Amino acid sequence: MPAAPADSFALDKSNPVLALSAAVGGLYVHRFPAGTPVPPELFSNVGAADDFVSVTRVGNELSIVATKGATSNVGMPEPSAEHCGGPWTAMKVKGPLEHHMVGVLSALTDCLKRAGVSIFAISTWDTDYILITTDTLEKAKTALQADGWTWNATRLG
């Protein structure tokens, strides 16, 4: 079967579901050994306006994205400096994104790559979050706006 023409998947960056905002700041990526238990208390504040927790467990590691003290505040070991990176700001794509939409994350990361901005991506059922080091947030925002993305000054919750 022949490949689809490259422009057949062009994104309409003016689509309101693709609007971007800085959702949550002060986040850190923590890496723990694979068998580290995750206390349920880690999720006790999820739902608050400024709270964000993402947990990914794979065969050789446990990664948690949360505010710096969130893991140690619930009795988890403090990760070593080489296993805790940040601060990051989570940039949110408004969403909800239809699962047939092609290239959203690719278009965002390509723009940020050209601008020299490092990212850490997290996807949920409804949307994508692009974590950007806090010190490069303005650079990222400028690059994305120049590339045609809509940036909302208010949080998209």
N, C-alpha and C. Protein backbone atom coordinates (compact mmCIF):
# COMPACT_ATOMS: atom_id res chain seq x y z
N MET A 1 0.85 -1.18 0.00
CA MET A 1 0.00 0.00 0.00
C MET A 1 0.89 1.24 0.00
N PRO A 2 0.67 2.19 -0.91
CA PRO A 2 1.51 3.39 -0.96
C PRO A 2 1.30 4.26 0.28
N ALA A 3 2.37 4.97 0.64
CA ALA A 3 2.31 5.87 1.80
C ALA A 3 1.42 7.07 1.47
N ALA A 4 0.78 7.60 2.50
CA ALA A 4 -0.05 8.79 2.33
C ALA A 4 0.84 9.99 2.06
N PRO A 5 0.38 10.94 1.25
CA PRO A 5 1.17 12.15 1.02
C PRO A 5 1.46 12.85 2.35
N ALA A 6 2.64 13.43 2.45
CA ALA A 6 3.08 14.05 3.70
C ALA A 6 2.10 15.10 4.21
N ASP A 7 1.50 15.88 3.31
CA ASP A 7 0.59 16.94 3.76
C ASP A 7 -0.80 16.43 4.14
N SER A 8 -1.08 15.15 3.94
CA SER A 8 -2.40 14.64 4.29
C SER A 8 -2.60 14.57 5.80
N PHE A 9 -1.53 14.69 6.56
CA PHE A 9 -1.62 14.65 8.01
C PHE A 9 -1.31 16.02 8.63
N ALA A 10 -1.41 17.08 7.85
CA ALA A 10 -1.11 18.42 8.36
C ALA A 10 -2.06 18.77 9.50
N LEU A 11 -1.49 19.31 10.57
CA LEU A 11 -2.29 19.72 11.72
C LEU A 11 -2.82 21.13 11.53
N ASP A 12 -4.02 21.36 11.97
CA ASP A 12 -4.56 22.71 12.03
C ASP A 12 -4.25 23.23 13.42
N LYS A 13 -3.14 23.94 13.55
CA LYS A 13 -2.69 24.40 14.86
C LYS A 13 -3.63 25.42 15.49
N SER A 14 -4.60 25.93 14.71
CA SER A 14 -5.59 26.85 15.28
C SER A 14 -6.75 26.10 15.92
N ASN A 15 -6.79 24.79 15.79
CA ASN A 15 -7.84 23.97 16.41
C ASN A 15 -7.79 24.20 17.92
N PRO A 16 -8.90 24.60 18.55
CA PRO A 16 -8.89 24.90 19.98
C PRO A 16 -8.38 23.76 20.87
N VAL A 17 -8.54 22.52 20.46
CA VAL A 17 -8.05 21.42 21.30
C VAL A 17 -6.53 21.34 21.31
N LEU A 18 -5.87 22.05 20.39
CA LEU A 18 -4.41 22.06 20.34
C LEU A 18 -3.79 23.26 21.04
N ALA A 19 -4.61 24.10 21.68
CA ALA A 19 -4.08 25.25 22.41
C ALA A 19 -3.16 24.76 23.53
N LEU A 20 -2.12 25.53 23.78
CA LEU A 20 -1.10 25.17 24.77
C LEU A 20 -1.14 26.11 25.96
N SER A 21 -0.75 25.60 27.11
CA SER A 21 -0.57 26.46 28.28
C SER A 21 0.45 25.81 29.21
N ALA A 22 1.02 26.62 30.08
CA ALA A 22 1.88 26.10 31.14
C ALA A 22 0.95 25.63 32.25
N ALA A 23 0.86 24.33 32.45
CA ALA A 23 -0.12 23.78 33.39
C ALA A 23 0.38 23.76 34.82
N VAL A 24 1.57 23.22 35.04
CA VAL A 24 2.10 23.04 36.39
C VAL A 24 3.60 23.21 36.35
N GLY A 25 4.15 23.94 37.31
CA GLY A 25 5.59 24.11 37.40
C GLY A 25 6.15 23.42 38.63
N GLY A 26 7.47 23.48 38.77
CA GLY A 26 8.13 22.90 39.94
C GLY A 26 8.11 21.39 39.97
N LEU A 27 8.10 20.76 38.80
CA LEU A 27 8.05 19.30 38.74
C LEU A 27 9.46 18.71 38.63
N TYR A 28 9.60 17.50 39.16
CA TYR A 28 10.86 16.77 39.08
C TYR A 28 10.58 15.37 38.58
N VAL A 29 11.52 14.83 37.81
CA VAL A 29 11.44 13.46 37.34
C VAL A 29 12.31 12.63 38.28
N HIS A 30 11.68 11.71 38.99
CA HIS A 30 12.37 10.85 39.95
C HIS A 30 12.49 9.45 39.38
N ARG A 31 13.66 8.83 39.53
CA ARG A 31 13.85 7.45 39.09
C ARG A 31 14.16 6.59 40.31
N PHE A 32 13.41 5.50 40.44
CA PHE A 32 13.60 4.56 41.54
C PHE A 32 13.83 3.16 40.98
N PRO A 33 14.39 2.25 41.79
CA PRO A 33 14.50 0.86 41.35
C PRO A 33 13.10 0.30 41.05
N ALA A 34 13.04 -0.67 40.15
CA ALA A 34 11.76 -1.21 39.68
C ALA A 34 10.84 -1.69 40.79
N GLY A 35 11.38 -2.28 41.84
CA GLY A 35 10.54 -2.86 42.89
C GLY A 35 10.08 -1.90 43.96
N THR A 36 10.41 -0.63 43.85
CA THR A 36 10.03 0.34 44.87
C THR A 36 8.52 0.45 44.95
N PRO A 37 7.94 0.27 46.16
CA PRO A 37 6.48 0.40 46.28
C PRO A 37 6.05 1.87 46.15
N VAL A 38 4.87 2.08 45.60
CA VAL A 38 4.30 3.43 45.47
C VAL A 38 3.17 3.55 46.48
N PRO A 39 3.37 4.37 47.53
CA PRO A 39 2.31 4.51 48.53
C PRO A 39 1.08 5.20 47.94
N PRO A 40 -0.12 4.73 48.28
CA PRO A 40 -1.34 5.36 47.78
C PRO A 40 -1.43 6.84 48.16
N GLU A 41 -0.78 7.22 49.25
CA GLU A 41 -0.81 8.62 49.70
C GLU A 41 -0.21 9.57 48.66
N LEU A 42 0.62 9.05 47.76
CA LEU A 42 1.21 9.89 46.72
C LEU A 42 0.12 10.58 45.90
N PHE A 43 -1.03 9.93 45.79
CA PHE A 43 -2.12 10.45 44.96
C PHE A 43 -3.16 11.23 45.75
N SER A 44 -2.94 11.42 47.04
CA SER A 44 -3.97 12.01 47.90
C SER A 44 -4.34 13.44 47.52
N ASN A 45 -3.42 14.20 46.94
CA ASN A 45 -3.73 15.59 46.58
C ASN A 45 -4.02 15.78 45.10
N VAL A 46 -3.99 14.69 44.32
CA VAL A 46 -4.26 14.83 42.89
C VAL A 46 -5.67 15.36 42.72
N GLY A 47 -5.79 16.36 41.90
CA GLY A 47 -7.08 17.03 41.71
C GLY A 47 -6.98 18.49 42.13
N ALA A 48 -6.00 18.80 42.97
CA ALA A 48 -5.76 20.20 43.33
C ALA A 48 -5.23 20.91 42.09
N ALA A 49 -5.45 22.20 42.01
CA ALA A 49 -5.10 22.97 40.81
C ALA A 49 -3.63 22.83 40.41
N ASP A 50 -2.73 22.79 41.37
CA ASP A 50 -1.31 22.77 41.05
C ASP A 50 -0.67 21.41 41.28
N ASP A 51 -1.44 20.33 41.27
CA ASP A 51 -0.87 19.02 41.54
C ASP A 51 -0.76 18.20 40.27
N PHE A 52 0.30 17.44 40.19
CA PHE A 52 0.56 16.62 39.03
C PHE A 52 1.39 15.43 39.49
N VAL A 53 0.93 14.23 39.22
CA VAL A 53 1.68 13.02 39.52
C VAL A 53 1.52 12.08 38.33
N SER A 54 2.63 11.59 37.83
CA SER A 54 2.62 10.58 36.78
C SER A 54 3.55 9.46 37.21
N VAL A 55 3.05 8.23 37.16
CA VAL A 55 3.83 7.07 37.58
C VAL A 55 3.93 6.10 36.41
N THR A 56 5.14 5.70 36.09
CA THR A 56 5.37 4.70 35.05
C THR A 56 6.31 3.63 35.60
N ARG A 57 5.84 2.41 35.59
CA ARG A 57 6.68 1.29 36.04
C ARG A 57 6.92 0.37 34.84
N VAL A 58 8.18 0.11 34.56
CA VAL A 58 8.57 -0.86 33.53
C VAL A 58 9.54 -1.84 34.18
N GLY A 59 10.01 -2.80 33.43
CA GLY A 59 10.82 -3.88 33.99
C GLY A 59 12.01 -3.46 34.83
N ASN A 60 12.69 -2.39 34.46
CA ASN A 60 13.92 -2.03 35.17
C ASN A 60 13.87 -0.72 35.93
N GLU A 61 12.73 -0.06 35.98
CA GLU A 61 12.68 1.20 36.72
C GLU A 61 11.25 1.61 37.05
N LEU A 62 11.18 2.52 37.99
CA LEU A 62 9.95 3.21 38.36
C LEU A 62 10.24 4.69 38.19
N SER A 63 9.48 5.37 37.34
CA SER A 63 9.65 6.81 37.15
C SER A 63 8.41 7.51 37.69
N ILE A 64 8.65 8.55 38.48
CA ILE A 64 7.56 9.35 39.02
C ILE A 64 7.84 10.81 38.70
N VAL A 65 6.86 11.48 38.12
CA VAL A 65 6.94 12.92 37.89
C VAL A 65 6.00 13.57 38.88
N ALA A 66 6.55 14.42 39.72
CA ALA A 66 5.77 15.09 40.77
C ALA A 66 6.59 16.26 41.30
N THR A 67 6.00 17.02 42.20
CA THR A 67 6.77 18.08 42.84
C THR A 67 7.90 17.46 43.65
N LYS A 68 8.92 18.23 43.93
CA LYS A 68 10.15 17.68 44.50
C LYS A 68 9.93 16.92 45.80
N GLY A 69 9.15 17.42 46.70
CA GLY A 69 8.97 16.74 47.98
C GLY A 69 7.87 15.70 48.00
N ALA A 70 7.13 15.56 46.91
CA ALA A 70 5.95 14.68 46.92
C ALA A 70 6.29 13.24 47.27
N THR A 71 7.40 12.72 46.77
CA THR A 71 7.72 11.32 47.03
C THR A 71 8.25 11.12 48.44
N SER A 72 9.14 11.99 48.89
CA SER A 72 9.68 11.82 50.25
C SER A 72 8.63 12.13 51.31
N ASN A 73 7.66 12.97 51.00
CA ASN A 73 6.60 13.29 51.96
C ASN A 73 5.68 12.12 52.26
N VAL A 74 5.70 11.09 51.41
CA VAL A 74 4.86 9.91 51.65
C VAL A 74 5.71 8.68 52.00
N GLY A 75 6.95 8.94 52.44
CA GLY A 75 7.79 7.86 52.94
C GLY A 75 8.63 7.13 51.91
N MET A 76 8.66 7.62 50.67
CA MET A 76 9.51 6.98 49.67
C MET A 76 10.95 7.44 49.89
N PRO A 77 11.93 6.63 49.49
CA PRO A 77 13.32 7.06 49.65
C PRO A 77 13.59 8.28 48.79
N GLU A 78 14.50 9.12 49.23
CA GLU A 78 14.89 10.30 48.46
C GLU A 78 15.80 9.83 47.33
N PRO A 79 15.47 10.12 46.06
CA PRO A 79 16.34 9.68 44.97
C PRO A 79 17.66 10.45 45.00
N SER A 80 18.72 9.81 44.51
CA SER A 80 20.01 10.48 44.44
C SER A 80 19.93 11.60 43.41
N ALA A 81 20.90 12.51 43.47
CA ALA A 81 20.90 13.67 42.57
C ALA A 81 20.88 13.25 41.11
N GLU A 82 21.58 12.16 40.76
CA GLU A 82 21.59 11.74 39.36
C GLU A 82 20.29 11.05 38.96
N HIS A 83 19.42 10.79 39.92
CA HIS A 83 18.13 10.17 39.62
C HIS A 83 16.95 11.08 39.93
N CYS A 84 17.21 12.38 39.96
CA CYS A 84 16.14 13.35 40.19
C CYS A 84 16.47 14.58 39.36
N GLY A 85 15.68 14.84 38.32
CA GLY A 85 15.95 15.97 37.44
C GLY A 85 14.84 16.99 37.45
N GLY A 86 15.23 18.25 37.41
CA GLY A 86 14.24 19.32 37.37
C GLY A 86 14.88 20.64 37.78
N PRO A 87 14.12 21.67 37.94
CA PRO A 87 12.66 21.72 37.83
C PRO A 87 12.19 21.80 36.37
N TRP A 88 11.04 21.19 36.14
CA TRP A 88 10.37 21.18 34.85
C TRP A 88 9.02 21.88 35.00
N THR A 89 8.53 22.43 33.89
CA THR A 89 7.17 22.95 33.82
C THR A 89 6.41 22.10 32.81
N ALA A 90 5.24 21.63 33.21
CA ALA A 90 4.41 20.83 32.31
C ALA A 90 3.58 21.75 31.43
N MET A 91 3.82 21.66 30.14
CA MET A 91 3.02 22.37 29.15
C MET A 91 1.92 21.41 28.71
N LYS A 92 0.70 21.86 28.75
CA LYS A 92 -0.44 20.99 28.43
C LYS A 92 -1.05 21.35 27.08
N VAL A 93 -1.34 20.32 26.29
CA VAL A 93 -2.17 20.49 25.09
C VAL A 93 -3.60 20.40 25.59
N LYS A 94 -4.43 21.39 25.28
CA LYS A 94 -5.76 21.48 25.90
C LYS A 94 -6.55 20.18 25.82
N GLY A 95 -6.65 19.60 24.64
CA GLY A 95 -7.41 18.36 24.51
C GLY A 95 -8.89 18.58 24.74
N PRO A 96 -9.67 17.51 24.82
CA PRO A 96 -9.20 16.14 24.62
C PRO A 96 -8.86 15.89 23.15
N LEU A 97 -7.81 15.09 22.96
CA LEU A 97 -7.34 14.76 21.62
C LEU A 97 -7.99 13.46 21.16
N GLU A 98 -8.50 13.48 19.95
CA GLU A 98 -9.02 12.25 19.35
C GLU A 98 -7.83 11.34 19.04
N HIS A 99 -7.97 10.07 19.26
CA HIS A 99 -6.85 9.16 19.08
C HIS A 99 -6.45 8.97 17.61
N HIS A 100 -7.29 9.41 16.69
CA HIS A 100 -6.92 9.32 15.27
C HIS A 100 -6.11 10.53 14.81
N MET A 101 -5.95 11.55 15.66
CA MET A 101 -5.13 12.71 15.28
C MET A 101 -3.69 12.24 15.12
N VAL A 102 -3.09 12.61 14.01
CA VAL A 102 -1.74 12.16 13.70
C VAL A 102 -0.76 13.32 13.81
N GLY A 103 0.33 13.10 14.53
CA GLY A 103 1.45 14.03 14.50
C GLY A 103 1.45 15.15 15.51
N VAL A 104 0.56 15.14 16.49
CA VAL A 104 0.52 16.24 17.47
C VAL A 104 1.84 16.29 18.23
N LEU A 105 2.21 15.21 18.86
CA LEU A 105 3.44 15.17 19.64
C LEU A 105 4.66 15.38 18.75
N SER A 106 4.64 14.81 17.57
CA SER A 106 5.75 14.97 16.64
C SER A 106 5.94 16.43 16.24
N ALA A 107 4.85 17.12 15.92
CA ALA A 107 4.95 18.52 15.52
C ALA A 107 5.46 19.40 16.66
N LEU A 108 4.97 19.13 17.86
CA LEU A 108 5.43 19.90 19.02
C LEU A 108 6.92 19.67 19.28
N THR A 109 7.31 18.42 19.31
CA THR A 109 8.70 18.12 19.64
C THR A 109 9.65 18.54 18.53
N ASP A 110 9.21 18.49 17.27
CA ASP A 110 10.06 18.95 16.18
C ASP A 110 10.33 20.44 16.30
N CYS A 111 9.30 21.21 16.62
CA CYS A 111 9.47 22.65 16.81
C CYS A 111 10.44 22.93 17.95
N LEU A 112 10.26 22.22 19.06
CA LEU A 112 11.13 22.44 20.22
C LEU A 112 12.56 21.96 19.95
N LYS A 113 12.71 20.91 19.17
CA LYS A 113 14.05 20.44 18.79
C LYS A 113 14.78 21.52 18.00
N ARG A 114 14.09 22.11 17.03
CA ARG A 114 14.70 23.17 16.22
C ARG A 114 15.11 24.36 17.08
N ALA A 115 14.38 24.59 18.18
CA ALA A 115 14.69 25.70 19.08
C ALA A 115 15.75 25.32 20.12
N GLY A 116 16.16 24.05 20.15
CA GLY A 116 17.16 23.61 21.11
C GLY A 116 16.60 23.43 22.51
N VAL A 117 15.31 23.07 22.62
CA VAL A 117 14.66 22.91 23.92
C VAL A 117 14.49 21.43 24.22
N SER A 118 15.05 20.98 25.33
CA SER A 118 14.93 19.60 25.77
C SER A 118 13.54 19.36 26.35
N ILE A 119 12.99 18.16 26.13
CA ILE A 119 11.64 17.85 26.62
C ILE A 119 11.59 16.49 27.29
N PHE A 120 10.54 16.29 28.06
CA PHE A 120 10.18 14.99 28.64
C PHE A 120 8.69 14.88 28.40
N ALA A 121 8.25 13.93 27.60
CA ALA A 121 6.84 13.85 27.19
C ALA A 121 6.06 12.83 28.01
N ILE A 122 4.82 13.18 28.33
CA ILE A 122 3.89 12.28 29.01
C ILE A 122 2.55 12.39 28.30
N SER A 123 1.98 11.25 27.97
CA SER A 123 0.65 11.25 27.34
C SER A 123 -0.35 10.58 28.25
N THR A 124 -1.57 11.10 28.24
CA THR A 124 -2.69 10.48 28.95
C THR A 124 -3.74 10.12 27.90
N TRP A 125 -4.84 9.57 28.34
CA TRP A 125 -5.92 9.25 27.41
C TRP A 125 -6.40 10.50 26.69
N ASP A 126 -6.55 11.61 27.41
CA ASP A 126 -7.13 12.83 26.86
C ASP A 126 -6.16 13.75 26.14
N THR A 127 -4.89 13.76 26.55
CA THR A 127 -4.02 14.81 26.02
C THR A 127 -2.55 14.46 26.18
N ASP A 128 -1.71 15.41 25.80
CA ASP A 128 -0.26 15.28 25.95
C ASP A 128 0.25 16.40 26.86
N TYR A 129 1.25 16.05 27.63
CA TYR A 129 1.98 17.02 28.45
C TYR A 129 3.42 16.98 28.00
N ILE A 130 3.99 18.15 27.75
CA ILE A 130 5.39 18.25 27.38
C ILE A 130 6.08 18.96 28.53
N LEU A 131 6.97 18.27 29.22
CA LEU A 131 7.72 18.90 30.29
C LEU A 131 8.93 19.59 29.70
N ILE A 132 9.10 20.84 30.09
CA ILE A 132 10.17 21.69 29.59
C ILE A 132 10.92 22.20 30.80
N THR A 133 12.25 22.18 30.74
CA THR A 133 12.98 22.72 31.89
C THR A 133 12.53 24.15 32.11
N THR A 134 12.31 24.48 33.36
CA THR A 134 11.73 25.78 33.70
C THR A 134 12.54 26.94 33.13
N ASP A 135 13.86 26.78 33.06
CA ASP A 135 14.69 27.88 32.55
C ASP A 135 14.59 28.05 31.03
N THR A 136 13.95 27.12 30.32
CA THR A 136 13.78 27.27 28.87
C THR A 136 12.31 27.48 28.47
N LEU A 137 11.44 27.71 29.44
CA LEU A 137 10.01 27.85 29.15
C LEU A 137 9.74 29.01 28.20
N GLU A 138 10.31 30.16 28.43
CA GLU A 138 10.05 31.32 27.56
C GLU A 138 10.58 31.08 26.15
N LYS A 139 11.74 30.44 26.04
CA LYS A 139 12.30 30.09 24.73
C LYS A 139 11.35 29.15 24.00
N ALA A 140 10.81 28.17 24.71
CA ALA A 140 9.87 27.21 24.12
C ALA A 140 8.60 27.92 23.68
N LYS A 141 8.07 28.76 24.53
CA LYS A 141 6.84 29.50 24.23
C LYS A 141 7.02 30.35 22.97
N THR A 142 8.13 31.06 22.88
CA THR A 142 8.41 31.91 21.72
C THR A 142 8.51 31.07 20.45
N ALA A 143 9.21 29.94 20.51
CA ALA A 143 9.37 29.08 19.34
C ALA A 143 8.03 28.50 18.90
N LEU A 144 7.22 28.06 19.84
CA LEU A 144 5.93 27.47 19.51
C LEU A 144 4.98 28.50 18.89
N GLN A 145 4.96 29.71 19.44
CA GLN A 145 4.10 30.75 18.87
C GLN A 145 4.56 31.10 17.46
N ALA A 146 5.88 31.18 17.24
CA ALA A 146 6.40 31.48 15.91
C ALA A 146 6.06 30.37 14.92
N ASP A 147 5.86 29.16 15.42
CA ASP A 147 5.53 28.01 14.58
C ASP A 147 4.02 27.88 14.34
N GLY A 148 3.23 28.81 14.91
CA GLY A 148 1.79 28.81 14.68
C GLY A 148 0.93 28.19 15.76
N TRP A 149 1.53 27.77 16.87
CA TRP A 149 0.75 27.21 17.98
C TRP A 149 0.11 28.33 18.78
N THR A 150 -1.07 28.08 19.33
CA THR A 150 -1.76 29.05 20.17
C THR A 150 -1.32 28.83 21.61
N TRP A 151 -0.88 29.91 22.26
CA TRP A 151 -0.45 29.84 23.66
C TRP A 151 -1.45 30.60 24.51
N ASN A 152 -2.03 29.94 25.50
CA ASN A 152 -2.95 30.59 26.42
C ASN A 152 -2.19 30.98 27.68
N ALA A 153 -2.34 32.24 28.08
CA ALA A 153 -1.66 32.70 29.29
C ALA A 153 -2.26 32.07 30.54
N THR A 154 -3.54 31.73 30.47
CA THR A 154 -4.17 31.10 31.64
C THR A 154 -4.05 29.59 31.53
N ARG A 155 -4.06 28.95 32.66
CA ARG A 155 -3.94 27.49 32.69
C ARG A 155 -5.20 26.86 32.12
N LEU A 156 -4.99 25.73 31.48
CA LEU A 156 -6.10 25.03 30.84
C LEU A 156 -6.66 23.91 31.69
N GLY A 157 -6.21 23.82 32.95
CA GLY A 157 -6.71 22.86 33.92
C GLY A 157 -7.07 21.53 33.52
